[in-house]
Amino acid sequence: MGDGRPDRELYRSEYHEVQQEMAHHYRDKDMKDDYASFIRVKTKEEIHVHRAEFRGLLLGSVLFFGLAGLAIAYLW
């Protein structure tokens, strides 16, 4: 340490602290944006799209679990 060079560990710890602060900042910003889009009044077209997506996911889940159940029953 007496050679006048900076301590690398000090800079590494400061770098990680800055990275954590930036991650918190961006997470908070993303949460604010998500909340704003969630409470925004949606149009009829957006509601229809969301309902269609939900129905598709529901149908896909039912098909997946049904086929998995049939496969298990067949193999049993």
Protein backbone atom coordinates (compact mmCIF):
# COMPACT_ATOMS: atom_id res chain seq x y z
CA MET A 1 0.00 0.00 0.00
CA GLY A 2 2.89 2.35 0.45
CA ASP A 3 3.61 2.53 -3.28
CA GLY A 4 0.95 5.19 -3.97
CA ARG A 5 -1.38 3.00 -6.04
CA PRO A 6 -5.10 3.06 -5.23
CA ASP A 7 -6.73 0.19 -3.41
CA ARG A 8 -8.55 -1.96 -5.97
CA GLU A 9 -10.90 -3.47 -3.41
CA LEU A 10 -12.13 0.00 -2.45
CA TYR A 11 -13.00 0.77 -6.06
CA ARG A 12 -14.68 -2.61 -6.53
CA SER A 13 -16.91 -2.09 -3.50
CA GLU A 14 -17.83 1.42 -4.68
CA TYR A 15 -18.57 0.07 -8.15
CA HIS A 16 -20.95 -2.55 -6.72
CA GLU A 17 -22.67 0.07 -4.57
CA VAL A 18 -23.24 2.28 -7.62
CA GLN A 19 -24.55 -0.70 -9.59
CA GLN A 20 -27.01 -1.52 -6.79
CA GLU A 21 -28.21 2.09 -6.60
CA MET A 22 -28.79 2.17 -10.36
CA ALA A 23 -30.66 -1.16 -10.20
CA HIS A 24 -32.94 0.26 -7.47
CA HIS A 25 -33.51 3.42 -9.48
CA TYR A 26 -34.49 1.54 -12.64
CA ARG A 27 -36.64 -0.92 -10.68
CA ASP A 28 -38.54 1.96 -9.07
CA LYS A 29 -38.97 3.63 -12.46
CA ASP A 30 -40.25 0.40 -14.02
CA MET A 31 -42.67 -0.12 -11.14
CA LYS A 32 -44.04 3.40 -11.58
CA ASP A 33 -44.50 2.83 -15.32
CA ASP A 34 -46.21 -0.52 -14.73
CA TYR A 35 -48.55 0.99 -12.15
CA ALA A 36 -49.41 3.89 -14.45
CA SER A 37 -50.25 1.51 -17.30
CA PHE A 38 -52.28 -0.69 -14.93
CA ILE A 39 -54.54 2.10 -13.66
CA ARG A 40 -54.95 3.71 -17.08
CA VAL A 41 -58.45 3.43 -18.53
CA LYS A 42 -58.43 0.84 -21.29
CA THR A 43 -60.27 1.02 -24.58
CA LYS A 44 -62.71 -1.65 -25.74
CA GLU A 45 -60.15 -2.96 -28.22
CA GLU A 46 -57.56 -3.42 -25.48
CA ILE A 47 -60.11 -5.23 -23.31
CA HIS A 48 -60.97 -7.57 -26.19
CA VAL A 49 -57.28 -8.30 -26.76
CA HIS A 50 -56.72 -9.06 -23.06
CA ARG A 51 -59.76 -11.33 -22.94
CA ALA A 52 -58.58 -13.19 -26.05
CA GLU A 53 -55.12 -13.64 -24.51
CA PHE A 54 -56.69 -14.93 -21.29
CA ARG A 55 -58.91 -17.37 -23.17
CA GLY A 56 -55.92 -18.60 -25.17
CA LEU A 57 -53.87 -19.17 -22.02
CA LEU A 58 -56.79 -20.91 -20.34
CA LEU A 59 -57.38 -23.18 -23.34
CA GLY A 60 -53.66 -23.96 -23.59
CA SER A 61 -53.49 -24.82 -19.89
CA VAL A 62 -56.54 -27.08 -20.09
CA LEU A 63 -55.11 -28.86 -23.13
CA PHE A 64 -51.71 -29.26 -21.49
CA PHE A 65 -53.07 -30.67 -18.25
CA GLY A 66 -55.56 -32.85 -20.11
CA LEU A 67 -52.89 -34.34 -22.34
CA ALA A 68 -50.53 -34.77 -19.39
CA GLY A 69 -53.31 -36.55 -17.48
CA LEU A 70 -54.01 -38.83 -20.43
CA ALA A 71 -50.31 -39.61 -20.81
CA ILE A 72 -50.00 -40.46 -17.12
CA ALA A 73 -53.15 -42.59 -17.24
CA TYR A 74 -51.87 -44.40 -20.35
CA LEU A 75 -48.48 -45.09 -18.81
CA TRP A 76 -49.96 -46.25 -15.53
